Amino acid sequence: MRKVAIVSGKGGIGKTTLAINLGYLLHNEFNFNTTVIDCNLT
């Protein structure tokens, strides 16, 4: 199992978009089982 984190202190830079697209790509192109969790710490 591998974990990938997309982190930034600044909002509005596309972290959610990147996470969703990366999860989609890993699942549909490379047949990896993926789970995407998106949260804000504020």
N, C-alpha and C. Protein backbone atom coordinates (compact mmCIF):
# COMPACT_ATOMS: atom_id res chain seq x y z
N MET A 1 0.84 -1.16 0.00
CA MET A 1 0.00 0.00 0.00
C MET A 1 0.89 1.24 0.00
N ARG A 2 0.51 2.20 -0.82
CA ARG A 2 1.21 3.48 -0.88
C ARG A 2 0.23 4.59 -0.58
N LYS A 3 0.75 5.64 -0.01
CA LYS A 3 -0.08 6.81 0.30
C LYS A 3 0.51 8.02 -0.39
N VAL A 4 -0.36 8.83 -0.96
CA VAL A 4 0.06 10.06 -1.63
C VAL A 4 -0.68 11.21 -0.95
N ALA A 5 0.05 12.24 -0.57
CA ALA A 5 -0.57 13.41 0.05
C ALA A 5 -0.32 14.64 -0.82
N ILE A 6 -1.35 15.42 -1.01
CA ILE A 6 -1.26 16.68 -1.74
C ILE A 6 -1.57 17.77 -0.72
N VAL A 7 -0.55 18.55 -0.37
CA VAL A 7 -0.68 19.47 0.75
C VAL A 7 -0.22 20.86 0.36
N SER A 8 -0.94 21.87 0.83
CA SER A 8 -0.52 23.25 0.68
C SER A 8 -1.23 24.08 1.74
N GLY A 9 -0.57 25.07 2.26
CA GLY A 9 -1.17 25.95 3.24
C GLY A 9 -2.08 26.99 2.64
N LYS A 10 -1.96 27.21 1.36
CA LYS A 10 -2.75 28.22 0.67
C LYS A 10 -3.96 27.56 0.02
N GLY A 11 -5.09 28.20 0.11
CA GLY A 11 -6.30 27.68 -0.51
C GLY A 11 -6.44 28.14 -1.95
N GLY A 12 -7.27 27.43 -2.71
CA GLY A 12 -7.59 27.85 -4.06
C GLY A 12 -6.54 27.57 -5.11
N ILE A 13 -5.68 26.58 -4.86
CA ILE A 13 -4.63 26.29 -5.85
C ILE A 13 -4.89 25.01 -6.63
N GLY A 14 -6.01 24.33 -6.35
CA GLY A 14 -6.38 23.16 -7.14
C GLY A 14 -6.04 21.82 -6.53
N LYS A 15 -5.91 21.75 -5.22
CA LYS A 15 -5.58 20.48 -4.56
C LYS A 15 -6.67 19.44 -4.78
N THR A 16 -7.92 19.84 -4.65
CA THR A 16 -9.03 18.91 -4.83
C THR A 16 -9.08 18.41 -6.27
N THR A 17 -8.94 19.30 -7.22
CA THR A 17 -8.95 18.91 -8.63
C THR A 17 -7.82 17.95 -8.94
N LEU A 18 -6.63 18.23 -8.43
CA LEU A 18 -5.49 17.34 -8.64
C LEU A 18 -5.73 15.98 -8.00
N ALA A 19 -6.26 15.95 -6.78
CA ALA A 19 -6.50 14.69 -6.09
C ALA A 19 -7.51 13.83 -6.83
N ILE A 20 -8.61 14.43 -7.28
CA ILE A 20 -9.64 13.69 -8.01
C ILE A 20 -9.09 13.15 -9.33
N ASN A 21 -8.39 13.98 -10.07
CA ASN A 21 -7.83 13.54 -11.35
C ASN A 21 -6.76 12.48 -11.18
N LEU A 22 -5.96 12.58 -10.15
CA LEU A 22 -4.93 11.57 -9.89
C LEU A 22 -5.57 10.23 -9.51
N GLY A 23 -6.60 10.28 -8.65
CA GLY A 23 -7.30 9.05 -8.29
C GLY A 23 -7.95 8.39 -9.49
N TYR A 24 -8.57 9.21 -10.34
CA TYR A 24 -9.19 8.69 -11.56
C TYR A 24 -8.15 8.04 -12.48
N LEU A 25 -7.05 8.71 -12.68
CA LEU A 25 -6.00 8.19 -13.55
C LEU A 25 -5.41 6.89 -13.01
N LEU A 26 -5.12 6.85 -11.72
CA LEU A 26 -4.55 5.63 -11.13
C LEU A 26 -5.50 4.45 -11.24
N HIS A 27 -6.80 4.72 -11.09
CA HIS A 27 -7.76 3.62 -11.16
C HIS A 27 -8.03 3.18 -12.60
N ASN A 28 -8.32 4.12 -13.47
CA ASN A 28 -8.76 3.76 -14.83
C ASN A 28 -7.63 3.43 -15.78
N GLU A 29 -6.49 4.02 -15.62
CA GLU A 29 -5.38 3.76 -16.55
C GLU A 29 -4.42 2.67 -16.05
N PHE A 30 -4.25 2.57 -14.73
CA PHE A 30 -3.27 1.64 -14.18
C PHE A 30 -3.89 0.54 -13.33
N ASN A 31 -5.22 0.51 -13.22
CA ASN A 31 -5.95 -0.52 -12.46
C ASN A 31 -5.54 -0.63 -11.00
N PHE A 32 -5.19 0.48 -10.36
CA PHE A 32 -4.91 0.50 -8.93
C PHE A 32 -6.22 0.73 -8.19
N ASN A 33 -6.38 0.06 -7.06
CA ASN A 33 -7.51 0.37 -6.18
C ASN A 33 -7.19 1.69 -5.50
N THR A 34 -8.10 2.64 -5.57
CA THR A 34 -7.82 3.96 -5.02
C THR A 34 -8.95 4.41 -4.10
N THR A 35 -8.58 5.21 -3.13
CA THR A 35 -9.51 5.90 -2.26
C THR A 35 -9.04 7.34 -2.16
N VAL A 36 -9.93 8.28 -2.42
CA VAL A 36 -9.57 9.70 -2.34
C VAL A 36 -10.29 10.29 -1.14
N ILE A 37 -9.52 10.92 -0.25
CA ILE A 37 -10.07 11.60 0.92
C ILE A 37 -9.67 13.05 0.81
N ASP A 38 -10.65 13.93 0.85
CA ASP A 38 -10.39 15.37 0.74
C ASP A 38 -10.92 16.05 1.99
N CYS A 39 -10.09 16.85 2.64
CA CYS A 39 -10.55 17.55 3.83
C CYS A 39 -9.78 18.87 3.97
N ASN A 40 -10.38 19.78 4.71
CA ASN A 40 -9.74 21.05 5.04
C ASN A 40 -9.50 21.08 6.54
N LEU A 41 -8.34 21.53 6.94
CA LEU A 41 -8.00 21.56 8.36
C LEU A 41 -8.54 22.80 9.06
N THR A 42 -9.00 23.78 8.29
CA THR A 42 -9.50 25.00 8.92
C THR A 42 -10.95 24.90 9.30
